[in-house]
N, C-alpha and C. Protein backbone atom coordinates (compact mmCIF):
# COMPACT_ATOMS: atom_id res chain seq x y z
N MET A 1 0.85 -1.18 0.00
CA MET A 1 0.00 0.00 0.00
C MET A 1 0.88 1.23 0.00
N PRO A 2 0.62 2.04 -0.93
CA PRO A 2 1.49 3.21 -1.05
C PRO A 2 1.28 4.18 0.11
N PHE A 3 2.40 4.82 0.48
CA PHE A 3 2.33 5.82 1.58
C PHE A 3 1.81 7.15 1.04
N ALA A 4 1.03 7.76 1.84
CA ALA A 4 0.50 9.09 1.47
C ALA A 4 1.33 10.15 2.19
N PHE A 5 1.86 11.05 1.51
CA PHE A 5 2.69 12.12 2.08
C PHE A 5 1.81 13.31 2.45
N LEU A 6 1.88 13.66 3.74
CA LEU A 6 1.09 14.81 4.21
C LEU A 6 1.92 16.08 4.09
N PRO A 7 1.27 17.16 3.84
CA PRO A 7 2.02 18.44 3.72
C PRO A 7 2.67 18.83 5.04
N ALA A 8 3.83 19.36 4.94
CA ALA A 8 4.60 19.74 6.14
C ALA A 8 3.92 20.91 6.86
N VAL A 9 3.82 20.78 8.14
CA VAL A 9 3.20 21.86 8.95
C VAL A 9 4.33 22.76 9.49
N PRO A 10 4.29 23.99 9.14
CA PRO A 10 5.40 24.88 9.63
C PRO A 10 5.39 24.98 11.16
N VAL A 11 6.58 24.91 11.72
CA VAL A 11 6.74 24.99 13.18
C VAL A 11 7.03 26.45 13.56
N LEU A 12 6.12 27.00 14.29
CA LEU A 12 6.29 28.40 14.70
C LEU A 12 7.19 28.50 15.92
N PRO A 13 8.05 29.50 15.94
CA PRO A 13 8.93 29.64 17.12
C PRO A 13 8.11 29.95 18.37
N ALA A 14 8.63 29.51 19.48
CA ALA A 14 7.92 29.73 20.75
C ALA A 14 7.90 31.21 21.10
N THR A 15 6.78 31.63 21.55
CA THR A 15 6.64 33.06 21.92
C THR A 15 7.35 33.32 23.24
N PRO A 16 8.33 34.24 23.25
CA PRO A 16 9.07 34.50 24.51
C PRO A 16 8.13 35.12 25.54
N PRO A 17 8.42 34.84 26.78
CA PRO A 17 7.56 35.42 27.83
C PRO A 17 7.73 36.94 27.86
N PRO A 18 6.71 37.63 28.24
CA PRO A 18 6.83 39.11 28.30
C PRO A 18 7.89 39.54 29.30
N PRO A 19 8.67 40.60 29.00
CA PRO A 19 9.74 41.04 29.93
C PRO A 19 9.13 41.54 31.23
N HIS A 20 9.96 41.35 32.30
CA HIS A 20 9.52 41.80 33.61
C HIS A 20 9.67 43.31 33.72
N ARG A 21 8.63 43.98 34.04
CA ARG A 21 8.65 45.43 34.10
C ARG A 21 8.39 45.88 35.54
N VAL A 22 9.23 46.86 35.99
CA VAL A 22 9.03 47.45 37.30
C VAL A 22 7.90 48.47 37.21
N PRO A 23 6.97 48.40 38.11
CA PRO A 23 5.86 49.38 38.04
C PRO A 23 6.40 50.81 38.08
N TYR A 24 5.83 51.65 37.29
CA TYR A 24 6.28 53.04 37.17
C TYR A 24 5.97 53.81 38.44
N ALA A 25 6.99 54.52 38.90
CA ALA A 25 6.78 55.41 40.05
C ALA A 25 7.28 56.78 39.66
N PRO A 26 6.53 57.79 39.84
CA PRO A 26 6.98 59.13 39.44
C PRO A 26 8.15 59.60 40.29
N ARG A 27 9.09 60.29 39.67
CA ARG A 27 10.24 60.83 40.39
C ARG A 27 9.80 61.95 41.31
N CYS A 28 10.63 62.14 42.39
CA CYS A 28 10.32 63.20 43.33
C CYS A 28 10.56 64.54 42.68
N VAL A 29 9.61 65.37 42.76
CA VAL A 29 9.72 66.71 42.19
C VAL A 29 9.57 67.70 43.32
N ALA A 30 10.53 68.61 43.42
CA ALA A 30 10.48 69.60 44.49
C ALA A 30 9.25 70.46 44.34
N ALA A 31 8.63 70.68 45.47
CA ALA A 31 7.44 71.53 45.45
C ALA A 31 7.85 72.96 45.18
N PRO A 32 7.08 73.65 44.43
CA PRO A 32 7.44 75.05 44.14
C PRO A 32 7.52 75.86 45.43
N SER A 33 8.55 76.72 45.52
CA SER A 33 8.75 77.54 46.71
C SER A 33 7.63 78.55 46.85
N THR A 34 7.22 78.73 48.10
CA THR A 34 6.19 79.74 48.36
C THR A 34 6.80 81.12 48.55
N HIS A 35 8.17 81.17 48.61
CA HIS A 35 8.83 82.47 48.79
C HIS A 35 9.44 82.90 47.46
N PRO A 36 9.38 84.12 47.15
CA PRO A 36 10.01 84.59 45.90
C PRO A 36 11.51 84.43 45.97
N SER A 37 12.10 84.02 44.86
CA SER A 37 13.54 83.81 44.82
C SER A 37 14.25 85.14 44.98
N LEU A 38 15.39 85.08 45.74
CA LEU A 38 16.15 86.29 45.97
C LEU A 38 17.02 86.58 44.75
N PRO A 39 17.13 87.82 44.37
CA PRO A 39 18.04 88.14 43.27
C PRO A 39 19.48 87.91 43.68
N ILE A 40 20.34 87.73 42.71
CA ILE A 40 21.74 87.44 42.98
C ILE A 40 22.38 88.55 43.80
N ALA A 41 22.04 89.78 43.52
CA ALA A 41 22.63 90.89 44.27
C ALA A 41 22.30 90.80 45.75
N ALA A 42 21.05 90.39 46.06
CA ALA A 42 20.66 90.28 47.47
C ALA A 42 21.42 89.15 48.15
N LEU A 43 21.60 88.03 47.43
CA LEU A 43 22.36 86.91 48.00
C LEU A 43 23.79 87.31 48.28
N LYS A 44 24.38 88.07 47.38
CA LYS A 44 25.75 88.53 47.61
C LYS A 44 25.81 89.45 48.82
N ALA A 45 24.80 90.30 48.95
CA ALA A 45 24.78 91.22 50.09
C ALA A 45 24.69 90.46 51.40
N LEU A 46 23.87 89.38 51.41
CA LEU A 46 23.75 88.57 52.62
C LEU A 46 25.07 87.89 52.94
N SER A 47 25.78 87.41 51.93
CA SER A 47 27.07 86.76 52.15
C SER A 47 28.08 87.73 52.74
N VAL A 48 28.11 88.94 52.21
CA VAL A 48 29.04 89.95 52.73
C VAL A 48 28.69 90.31 54.16
N ALA A 49 27.39 90.40 54.46
CA ALA A 49 26.98 90.73 55.82
C ALA A 49 27.39 89.64 56.80
N ALA A 50 27.24 88.36 56.38
CA ALA A 50 27.65 87.26 57.25
C ALA A 50 29.14 87.28 57.50
N LEU A 51 29.92 87.58 56.45
CA LEU A 51 31.37 87.65 56.62
C LEU A 51 31.76 88.78 57.54
N SER A 52 31.10 89.93 57.40
CA SER A 52 31.40 91.06 58.27
C SER A 52 31.09 90.74 59.72
N LEU A 53 29.98 90.01 59.94
CA LEU A 53 29.62 89.63 61.30
C LEU A 53 30.66 88.71 61.90
N SER A 54 31.14 87.75 61.11
CA SER A 54 32.15 86.83 61.65
C SER A 54 33.44 87.55 61.99
N LEU A 55 33.79 88.57 61.20
CA LEU A 55 35.00 89.34 61.51
C LEU A 55 34.80 90.18 62.75
N THR A 56 33.56 90.67 62.93
CA THR A 56 33.29 91.49 64.11
C THR A 56 33.38 90.68 65.39
N LEU A 57 32.93 89.41 65.32
CA LEU A 57 32.93 88.57 66.51
C LEU A 57 34.28 87.94 66.78
N THR A 58 35.21 88.10 65.85
CA THR A 58 36.54 87.53 66.06
C THR A 58 37.32 88.39 67.04
N PRO A 59 38.00 87.78 68.00
CA PRO A 59 38.77 88.57 68.97
C PRO A 59 39.85 89.37 68.27
N PRO A 60 40.21 90.51 68.81
CA PRO A 60 41.29 91.30 68.23
C PRO A 60 42.56 90.48 68.11
N PRO A 61 43.30 90.62 67.00
CA PRO A 61 44.48 89.81 66.81
C PRO A 61 45.51 89.96 67.92
N ALA A 62 45.65 91.19 68.42
CA ALA A 62 46.62 91.40 69.49
C ALA A 62 46.25 90.60 70.73
N GLN A 63 44.94 90.49 71.00
CA GLN A 63 44.51 89.78 72.19
C GLN A 63 44.50 88.28 71.96
N ALA A 64 44.07 87.85 70.76
CA ALA A 64 43.95 86.43 70.50
C ALA A 64 45.30 85.73 70.41
N ALA A 65 46.34 86.46 70.03
CA ALA A 65 47.64 85.83 69.80
C ALA A 65 48.61 86.04 70.94
N LEU A 66 48.09 86.40 72.11
CA LEU A 66 49.00 86.71 73.22
C LEU A 66 49.91 85.55 73.57
N THR A 67 49.38 84.34 73.55
CA THR A 67 50.19 83.19 73.91
C THR A 67 51.18 82.83 72.81
N LYS A 68 51.05 83.46 71.65
CA LYS A 68 51.93 83.15 70.53
C LYS A 68 52.91 84.29 70.24
N LEU A 69 52.93 85.29 71.08
CA LEU A 69 53.82 86.41 70.83
C LEU A 69 55.28 85.99 70.96
N PRO A 70 56.13 86.54 70.12
CA PRO A 70 57.56 86.23 70.23
C PRO A 70 58.15 86.90 71.45
N PRO A 71 59.32 86.47 71.87
CA PRO A 71 60.00 87.14 72.99
C PRO A 71 60.29 88.60 72.64
N ILE A 72 60.37 89.43 73.64
CA ILE A 72 60.70 90.84 73.41
C ILE A 72 62.12 90.95 72.85
N ASP A 73 62.24 91.66 71.75
CA ASP A 73 63.54 91.84 71.11
C ASP A 73 64.25 93.03 71.77
N ARG A 74 64.88 92.77 72.89
CA ARG A 74 65.53 93.86 73.64
C ARG A 74 66.81 94.34 72.96
N ALA A 75 67.31 93.60 71.99
CA ALA A 75 68.51 94.03 71.29
C ALA A 75 68.20 95.04 70.18
N ASN A 76 66.91 95.23 69.88
CA ASN A 76 66.52 96.17 68.83
C ASN A 76 66.48 97.59 69.40
N PRO A 77 67.38 98.46 69.00
CA PRO A 77 67.45 99.80 69.59
C PRO A 77 66.27 100.70 69.22
N THR A 78 65.52 100.33 68.18
CA THR A 78 64.40 101.17 67.74
C THR A 78 63.04 100.60 68.15
N ARG A 79 63.05 99.54 68.94
CA ARG A 79 61.78 98.88 69.28
C ARG A 79 60.83 99.83 70.00
N CYS A 80 61.34 100.69 70.85
CA CYS A 80 60.50 101.58 71.63
C CYS A 80 60.34 102.96 70.98
N GLN A 81 60.56 103.00 69.68
CA GLN A 81 60.36 104.24 68.93
C GLN A 81 59.20 104.00 67.96
N PRO A 82 57.96 104.21 68.40
CA PRO A 82 56.79 103.85 67.59
C PRO A 82 56.71 104.64 66.30
N THR A 83 56.22 103.98 65.29
CA THR A 83 55.97 104.61 63.99
C THR A 83 54.52 104.35 63.62
N SER A 84 53.95 105.27 62.86
CA SER A 84 52.57 105.11 62.45
C SER A 84 52.45 104.01 61.41
N SER A 85 51.27 103.34 61.40
CA SER A 85 51.01 102.32 60.40
C SER A 85 50.79 102.98 59.05
N ALA A 86 51.35 102.39 58.00
CA ALA A 86 51.17 102.93 56.66
C ALA A 86 49.95 102.31 55.97
N ILE A 87 49.30 101.36 56.65
CA ILE A 87 48.19 100.63 56.03
C ILE A 87 46.85 101.20 56.45
N GLY A 88 46.72 101.63 57.67
CA GLY A 88 45.45 102.17 58.13
C GLY A 88 44.95 101.42 59.35
N GLN A 89 44.05 102.07 60.09
CA GLN A 89 43.67 101.55 61.39
C GLN A 89 42.47 100.63 61.36
N ALA A 90 41.73 100.51 60.26
CA ALA A 90 40.46 99.80 60.28
C ALA A 90 40.60 98.37 60.80
N ASN A 91 41.61 97.65 60.33
CA ASN A 91 41.80 96.27 60.75
C ASN A 91 43.07 96.09 61.57
N ALA A 92 43.65 97.17 62.01
CA ALA A 92 44.89 97.12 62.79
C ALA A 92 45.98 96.37 62.04
N ALA A 93 45.99 96.51 60.72
CA ALA A 93 46.99 95.82 59.91
C ALA A 93 48.29 96.62 59.89
N ARG A 94 49.39 95.88 59.98
CA ARG A 94 50.70 96.53 59.98
C ARG A 94 51.67 95.68 59.17
N ASP A 95 52.75 96.31 58.71
CA ASP A 95 53.79 95.58 58.00
C ASP A 95 54.54 94.67 58.96
N THR A 96 54.80 95.16 60.16
CA THR A 96 55.50 94.38 61.18
C THR A 96 54.82 94.61 62.52
N LEU A 97 55.05 93.71 63.46
CA LEU A 97 54.45 93.83 64.78
C LEU A 97 54.99 95.06 65.50
N LEU A 98 54.07 95.88 66.02
CA LEU A 98 54.47 97.05 66.79
C LEU A 98 54.51 96.63 68.26
N ASP A 99 55.69 96.28 68.73
CA ASP A 99 55.87 95.74 70.07
C ASP A 99 56.42 96.83 70.98
N LEU A 100 55.54 97.38 71.83
CA LEU A 100 55.95 98.43 72.77
C LEU A 100 55.92 97.92 74.20
N ARG A 101 55.98 96.63 74.38
CA ARG A 101 55.94 96.07 75.72
C ARG A 101 57.08 96.59 76.58
N GLU A 102 56.71 97.08 77.77
CA GLU A 102 57.67 97.55 78.78
C GLU A 102 58.46 98.78 78.33
N CYS A 103 58.03 99.44 77.27
CA CYS A 103 58.73 100.64 76.81
C CYS A 103 58.36 101.84 77.69
N ASN A 104 59.31 102.73 77.87
CA ASN A 104 59.07 103.96 78.62
C ASN A 104 58.82 105.10 77.62
N LEU A 105 57.54 105.43 77.44
CA LEU A 105 57.15 106.48 76.52
C LEU A 105 56.48 107.63 77.28
N SER A 106 56.85 107.80 78.52
CA SER A 106 56.26 108.86 79.34
C SER A 106 56.62 110.23 78.77
N SER A 107 55.63 111.11 78.81
CA SER A 107 55.79 112.50 78.34
C SER A 107 56.09 112.61 76.85
N ARG A 108 55.89 111.55 76.10
CA ARG A 108 56.14 111.62 74.65
C ARG A 108 54.96 112.26 73.94
N ASN A 109 55.25 112.96 72.86
CA ASN A 109 54.21 113.55 72.02
C ASN A 109 53.92 112.59 70.86
N LEU A 110 52.83 111.83 71.00
CA LEU A 110 52.44 110.86 69.98
C LEU A 110 51.11 111.26 69.35
N SER A 111 50.82 112.54 69.37
CA SER A 111 49.56 113.03 68.83
C SER A 111 49.40 112.64 67.36
N SER A 112 48.21 112.12 67.02
CA SER A 112 47.84 111.74 65.65
C SER A 112 48.59 110.51 65.14
N TYR A 113 49.33 109.82 65.99
CA TYR A 113 49.99 108.59 65.56
C TYR A 113 48.95 107.49 65.35
N ASP A 114 49.26 106.60 64.43
CA ASP A 114 48.44 105.40 64.24
C ASP A 114 49.17 104.23 64.91
N LEU A 115 48.72 103.88 66.10
CA LEU A 115 49.32 102.78 66.87
C LEU A 115 48.38 101.58 66.92
N SER A 116 47.51 101.47 65.93
CA SER A 116 46.54 100.39 65.92
C SER A 116 47.21 99.02 65.96
N GLY A 117 46.66 98.13 66.78
CA GLY A 117 47.20 96.77 66.86
C GLY A 117 48.48 96.65 67.65
N ALA A 118 48.89 97.72 68.32
CA ALA A 118 50.16 97.68 69.06
C ALA A 118 50.03 96.82 70.31
N ILE A 119 51.13 96.17 70.67
CA ILE A 119 51.23 95.43 71.92
C ILE A 119 51.98 96.33 72.90
N MET A 120 51.28 96.84 73.90
CA MET A 120 51.90 97.81 74.81
C MET A 120 51.70 97.43 76.27
N SER A 121 51.62 96.14 76.54
CA SER A 121 51.46 95.70 77.92
C SER A 121 52.66 96.11 78.76
N SER A 122 52.36 96.60 79.97
CA SER A 122 53.37 97.04 80.95
C SER A 122 54.21 98.21 80.44
N ALA A 123 53.76 98.92 79.42
CA ALA A 123 54.48 100.10 78.95
C ALA A 123 54.10 101.31 79.79
N ASN A 124 54.94 102.34 79.75
CA ASN A 124 54.70 103.56 80.53
C ASN A 124 54.41 104.72 79.58
N PHE A 125 53.14 105.20 79.62
CA PHE A 125 52.72 106.34 78.82
C PHE A 125 52.32 107.52 79.71
N ASP A 126 52.83 107.57 80.92
CA ASP A 126 52.43 108.63 81.84
C ASP A 126 52.70 110.01 81.23
N ASN A 127 51.69 110.91 81.34
CA ASN A 127 51.80 112.29 80.87
C ASN A 127 52.05 112.40 79.37
N ALA A 128 51.80 111.33 78.61
CA ALA A 128 52.02 111.38 77.16
C ALA A 128 50.87 112.10 76.47
N ASN A 129 51.17 112.67 75.32
CA ASN A 129 50.16 113.33 74.50
C ASN A 129 49.68 112.32 73.43
N LEU A 130 48.50 111.75 73.67
CA LEU A 130 47.92 110.80 72.72
C LEU A 130 46.63 111.36 72.12
N THR A 131 46.58 112.67 71.97
CA THR A 131 45.41 113.28 71.34
C THR A 131 45.33 112.86 69.87
N ASP A 132 44.11 112.57 69.42
CA ASP A 132 43.86 112.19 68.02
C ASP A 132 44.60 110.92 67.61
N VAL A 133 45.05 110.15 68.56
CA VAL A 133 45.78 108.92 68.24
C VAL A 133 44.80 107.82 67.84
N GLN A 134 45.28 106.85 67.08
CA GLN A 134 44.48 105.70 66.70
C GLN A 134 45.07 104.47 67.38
N LEU A 135 44.24 103.82 68.21
CA LEU A 135 44.72 102.68 69.00
C LEU A 135 43.87 101.43 68.78
N SER A 136 43.10 101.39 67.74
CA SER A 136 42.17 100.28 67.53
C SER A 136 42.85 98.92 67.70
N LYS A 137 42.19 98.04 68.49
CA LYS A 137 42.62 96.66 68.69
C LYS A 137 44.00 96.55 69.35
N SER A 138 44.43 97.57 70.07
CA SER A 138 45.71 97.48 70.77
C SER A 138 45.53 96.73 72.09
N TYR A 139 46.64 96.26 72.63
CA TYR A 139 46.63 95.48 73.87
C TYR A 139 47.48 96.21 74.89
N ALA A 140 46.81 96.82 75.88
CA ALA A 140 47.51 97.66 76.86
C ALA A 140 47.35 97.10 78.27
N PHE A 141 47.42 95.82 78.40
CA PHE A 141 47.26 95.18 79.71
C PHE A 141 48.37 95.65 80.66
N SER A 142 47.95 96.12 81.84
CA SER A 142 48.88 96.57 82.89
C SER A 142 49.77 97.73 82.46
N ALA A 143 49.38 98.45 81.43
CA ALA A 143 50.15 99.63 81.04
C ALA A 143 49.79 100.81 81.95
N SER A 144 50.67 101.80 82.00
CA SER A 144 50.43 102.98 82.84
C SER A 144 50.17 104.19 81.96
N PHE A 145 49.01 104.83 82.19
CA PHE A 145 48.61 106.01 81.42
C PHE A 145 48.26 107.16 82.38
N ARG A 146 49.00 107.32 83.42
CA ARG A 146 48.68 108.36 84.40
C ARG A 146 48.78 109.75 83.75
N ALA A 147 47.68 110.50 83.84
CA ALA A 147 47.61 111.87 83.29
C ALA A 147 47.84 111.92 81.78
N THR A 148 47.57 110.83 81.09
CA THR A 148 47.71 110.81 79.63
C THR A 148 46.49 111.47 78.99
N ASP A 149 46.72 112.22 77.92
CA ASP A 149 45.64 112.93 77.24
C ASP A 149 45.23 112.15 75.99
N PHE A 150 44.00 111.57 76.03
CA PHE A 150 43.45 110.81 74.91
C PHE A 150 42.35 111.60 74.19
N THR A 151 42.35 112.90 74.27
CA THR A 151 41.29 113.69 73.64
C THR A 151 41.18 113.37 72.15
N ASN A 152 39.95 113.07 71.71
CA ASN A 152 39.64 112.76 70.30
C ASN A 152 40.31 111.47 69.81
N ALA A 153 40.77 110.63 70.70
CA ALA A 153 41.44 109.38 70.29
C ALA A 153 40.43 108.35 69.79
N ILE A 154 40.88 107.53 68.86
CA ILE A 154 40.10 106.37 68.41
C ILE A 154 40.69 105.17 69.13
N ALA A 155 40.05 104.79 70.24
CA ALA A 155 40.59 103.71 71.08
C ALA A 155 39.56 102.60 71.23
N ASP A 156 38.96 102.20 70.14
CA ASP A 156 37.97 101.12 70.18
C ASP A 156 38.65 99.75 70.22
N ARG A 157 38.01 98.80 70.90
CA ARG A 157 38.47 97.40 71.00
C ARG A 157 39.87 97.29 71.61
N VAL A 158 40.18 98.21 72.52
CA VAL A 158 41.47 98.18 73.19
C VAL A 158 41.32 97.47 74.53
N THR A 159 42.31 96.68 74.89
CA THR A 159 42.33 96.02 76.20
C THR A 159 43.09 96.91 77.18
N PHE A 160 42.33 97.57 78.07
CA PHE A 160 42.91 98.39 79.12
C PHE A 160 42.87 97.67 80.47
N ASP A 161 42.69 96.37 80.45
CA ASP A 161 42.58 95.62 81.70
C ASP A 161 43.83 95.80 82.56
N ASN A 162 43.61 96.05 83.87
CA ASN A 162 44.69 96.22 84.85
C ASN A 162 45.55 97.44 84.59
N ALA A 163 45.13 98.31 83.68
CA ALA A 163 45.92 99.52 83.38
C ALA A 163 45.67 100.59 84.43
N ASP A 164 46.65 101.46 84.62
CA ASP A 164 46.52 102.60 85.53
C ASP A 164 46.15 103.82 84.70
N LEU A 165 44.89 104.26 84.82
CA LEU A 165 44.37 105.38 84.05
C LEU A 165 44.04 106.57 84.97
N THR A 166 44.78 106.70 86.04
CA THR A 166 44.58 107.81 86.97
C THR A 166 44.80 109.15 86.26
N ASP A 167 43.87 110.09 86.45
CA ASP A 167 43.97 111.46 85.89
C ASP A 167 43.93 111.48 84.36
N VAL A 168 43.54 110.38 83.73
CA VAL A 168 43.53 110.33 82.27
C VAL A 168 42.42 111.21 81.71
N ILE A 169 42.60 111.71 80.48
CA ILE A 169 41.59 112.53 79.81
C ILE A 169 41.12 111.79 78.56
N PHE A 170 39.84 111.38 78.56
CA PHE A 170 39.25 110.68 77.42
C PHE A 170 38.20 111.56 76.73
N VAL A 171 38.34 112.85 76.77
CA VAL A 171 37.33 113.75 76.22
C VAL A 171 37.11 113.47 74.72
N ASN A 172 35.84 113.22 74.37
CA ASN A 172 35.44 113.00 72.97
C ASN A 172 36.17 111.82 72.32
N ALA A 173 36.60 110.87 73.13
CA ALA A 173 37.30 109.70 72.58
C ALA A 173 36.30 108.59 72.24
N VAL A 174 36.68 107.72 71.32
CA VAL A 174 35.88 106.54 70.96
C VAL A 174 36.43 105.35 71.72
N LEU A 175 35.61 104.78 72.60
CA LEU A 175 36.04 103.66 73.44
C LEU A 175 35.14 102.44 73.25
N SER A 176 34.43 102.36 72.15
CA SER A 176 33.48 101.27 71.94
C SER A 176 34.20 99.92 71.94
N ASP A 177 33.61 98.97 72.68
CA ASP A 177 34.10 97.58 72.78
C ASP A 177 35.48 97.46 73.43
N SER A 178 35.96 98.51 74.09
CA SER A 178 37.20 98.40 74.86
C SER A 178 36.88 97.84 76.24
N THR A 179 37.87 97.21 76.88
CA THR A 179 37.64 96.60 78.19
C THR A 179 38.53 97.27 79.23
N PHE A 180 37.98 97.35 80.47
CA PHE A 180 38.67 98.03 81.55
C PHE A 180 38.63 97.20 82.83
N GLU A 181 38.76 95.90 82.71
CA GLU A 181 38.71 95.04 83.89
C GLU A 181 39.84 95.40 84.87
N ASN A 182 39.45 95.69 86.10
CA ASN A 182 40.41 95.99 87.18
C ASN A 182 41.31 97.18 86.86
N ALA A 183 40.87 98.05 85.97
CA ALA A 183 41.66 99.26 85.67
C ALA A 183 41.44 100.31 86.77
N ILE A 184 42.45 101.15 86.98
CA ILE A 184 42.35 102.25 87.94
C ILE A 184 41.87 103.49 87.18
N LEU A 185 40.70 104.01 87.58
CA LEU A 185 40.07 105.09 86.82
C LEU A 185 39.87 106.37 87.64
N GLU A 186 40.56 106.49 88.74
CA GLU A 186 40.36 107.64 89.61
C GLU A 186 40.74 108.94 88.90
N ASN A 187 39.86 109.94 89.03
CA ASN A 187 40.07 111.28 88.46
C ASN A 187 40.07 111.28 86.92
N ALA A 188 39.58 110.23 86.30
CA ALA A 188 39.53 110.21 84.83
C ALA A 188 38.39 111.11 84.33
N ASP A 189 38.59 111.69 83.16
CA ASP A 189 37.57 112.56 82.54
C ASP A 189 37.03 111.86 81.29
N PHE A 190 35.73 111.49 81.31
CA PHE A 190 35.09 110.80 80.19
C PHE A 190 34.09 111.69 79.47
N THR A 191 34.27 112.99 79.54
CA THR A 191 33.31 113.92 78.94
C THR A 191 33.14 113.66 77.44
N ASP A 192 31.87 113.49 77.03
CA ASP A 192 31.51 113.31 75.61
C ASP A 192 32.18 112.08 74.99
N VAL A 193 32.50 111.09 75.80
CA VAL A 193 33.12 109.88 75.27
C VAL A 193 32.08 109.06 74.52
N TYR A 194 32.53 108.33 73.49
CA TYR A 194 31.63 107.44 72.75
C TYR A 194 31.87 106.02 73.25
N ILE A 195 30.85 105.48 73.93
CA ILE A 195 30.99 104.15 74.52
C ILE A 195 29.60 103.52 74.59
N GLY A 196 29.51 102.21 74.47
CA GLY A 196 28.22 101.54 74.51
C GLY A 196 27.61 101.55 75.90
N ASP A 197 26.28 101.34 75.95
CA ASP A 197 25.57 101.36 77.23
C ASP A 197 26.07 100.26 78.16
N PHE A 198 26.30 99.07 77.62
CA PHE A 198 26.75 97.96 78.46
C PHE A 198 28.12 98.27 79.06
N ALA A 199 29.03 98.78 78.24
CA ALA A 199 30.37 99.11 78.74
C ALA A 199 30.30 100.24 79.76
N GLN A 200 29.41 101.20 79.53
CA GLN A 200 29.28 102.30 80.47
C GLN A 200 28.79 101.80 81.83
N ARG A 201 27.79 100.93 81.81
CA ARG A 201 27.29 100.40 83.08
C ARG A 201 28.35 99.59 83.81
N SER A 202 29.16 98.85 83.03
CA SER A 202 30.24 98.07 83.64
C SER A 202 31.28 98.98 84.27
N LEU A 203 31.64 100.07 83.57
CA LEU A 203 32.61 101.01 84.10
C LEU A 203 32.11 101.70 85.36
N CYS A 204 30.81 101.97 85.40
CA CYS A 204 30.25 102.65 86.56
C CYS A 204 30.33 101.79 87.82
N LYS A 205 30.53 100.50 87.67
CA LYS A 205 30.65 99.60 88.82
C LYS A 205 32.09 99.54 89.34
N ASN A 206 33.02 100.15 88.62
CA ASN A 206 34.42 100.13 89.04
C ASN A 206 34.57 101.00 90.30
N PRO A 207 35.04 100.43 91.41
CA PRO A 207 35.13 101.20 92.65
C PRO A 207 36.12 102.36 92.60
N THR A 208 37.04 102.35 91.62
CA THR A 208 38.02 103.43 91.54
C THR A 208 37.50 104.61 90.72
N LEU A 209 36.29 104.47 90.16
CA LEU A 209 35.72 105.54 89.33
C LEU A 209 35.19 106.64 90.25
N LYS A 210 36.05 107.56 90.60
CA LYS A 210 35.68 108.62 91.55
C LYS A 210 36.67 109.77 91.40
N GLY A 211 36.36 110.87 92.08
CA GLY A 211 37.27 112.00 92.09
C GLY A 211 36.97 113.02 91.01
N THR A 212 37.91 113.91 90.82
CA THR A 212 37.79 115.00 89.85
C THR A 212 39.10 115.13 89.09
N ASN A 213 39.00 115.30 87.78
CA ASN A 213 40.22 115.42 86.99
C ASN A 213 40.94 116.71 87.34
N PRO A 214 42.21 116.66 87.70
CA PRO A 214 42.93 117.86 88.15
C PRO A 214 43.17 118.88 87.05
N LEU A 215 43.12 118.48 85.80
CA LEU A 215 43.39 119.42 84.72
C LEU A 215 42.11 120.05 84.17
N THR A 216 41.09 119.21 83.93
CA THR A 216 39.85 119.73 83.33
C THR A 216 38.81 120.12 84.38
N GLY A 217 38.96 119.60 85.60
CA GLY A 217 37.99 119.89 86.65
C GLY A 217 36.71 119.09 86.54
N ALA A 218 36.66 118.12 85.61
CA ALA A 218 35.44 117.34 85.42
C ALA A 218 35.32 116.26 86.49
N PRO A 219 34.16 116.11 87.14
CA PRO A 219 33.96 115.03 88.09
C PRO A 219 33.86 113.70 87.34
N THR A 220 34.59 112.72 87.80
CA THR A 220 34.76 111.48 87.05
C THR A 220 33.44 110.75 86.78
N ARG A 221 32.67 110.45 87.82
CA ARG A 221 31.46 109.68 87.63
C ARG A 221 30.44 110.44 86.78
N GLU A 222 30.30 111.72 87.03
CA GLU A 222 29.36 112.52 86.26
C GLU A 222 29.76 112.62 84.80
N SER A 223 31.06 112.67 84.53
CA SER A 223 31.51 112.80 83.13
C SER A 223 31.17 111.56 82.32
N LEU A 224 31.06 110.41 83.02
CA LEU A 224 30.69 109.17 82.33
C LEU A 224 29.19 108.93 82.35
N GLY A 225 28.45 109.76 83.05
CA GLY A 225 27.01 109.63 83.11
C GLY A 225 26.54 108.57 84.08
N CYS A 226 27.36 108.27 85.10
CA CYS A 226 26.98 107.26 86.08
C CYS A 226 26.01 107.86 87.09
N ARG A 227 25.08 107.03 87.54
CA ARG A 227 24.17 107.45 88.61
C ARG A 227 24.92 107.34 89.93
N ARG A 228 24.58 108.19 90.82
CA ARG A 228 25.23 108.14 92.13
C ARG A 228 24.72 106.95 92.94
């Protein structure tokens, strides 16, 4: 019996399984700000203000570096001959350290000198003329200023702690942010001085703040505006 040939049935390839898909999740989108965006100029102004604040809160370099000061160069014959800063008093910047420690500058005429940032601890300025002088950020711990004239001086951020300021004249001087811990203030004249309220109240508690200035005749406590 003859064989019957059946037509070939095409073999279809197997259908691959569908690929595994991760369910779609929308990406996080930041919510629109409810505050108007600041212009670039305003952001820059804020940055400058923050930098200025940090510099204001930084201790004066003369005070902060006390433990790092070099030994007194007693072999330098010109060390006790102060010179004005050529840079300016705003930041007490100087070309070299102005070291007046233990120098005897009594009765010297230093009017209008720029001594900003000077280290003058234990120095003697008795009867010196320091009118119109610039002393910003100087360190005058335990210095002697008996009968020294500071009229119109810029003496902000100065450390006068333990200093002898007997008979001193601070008429119309700027003393903002300066310190006077344990300073002797008898017969001092503070007429028209520029000083903050907190510093003024602190000075008024100094037991040596009494008497009358022998040169100007100003009563010490009254000249500073202290209550009796």
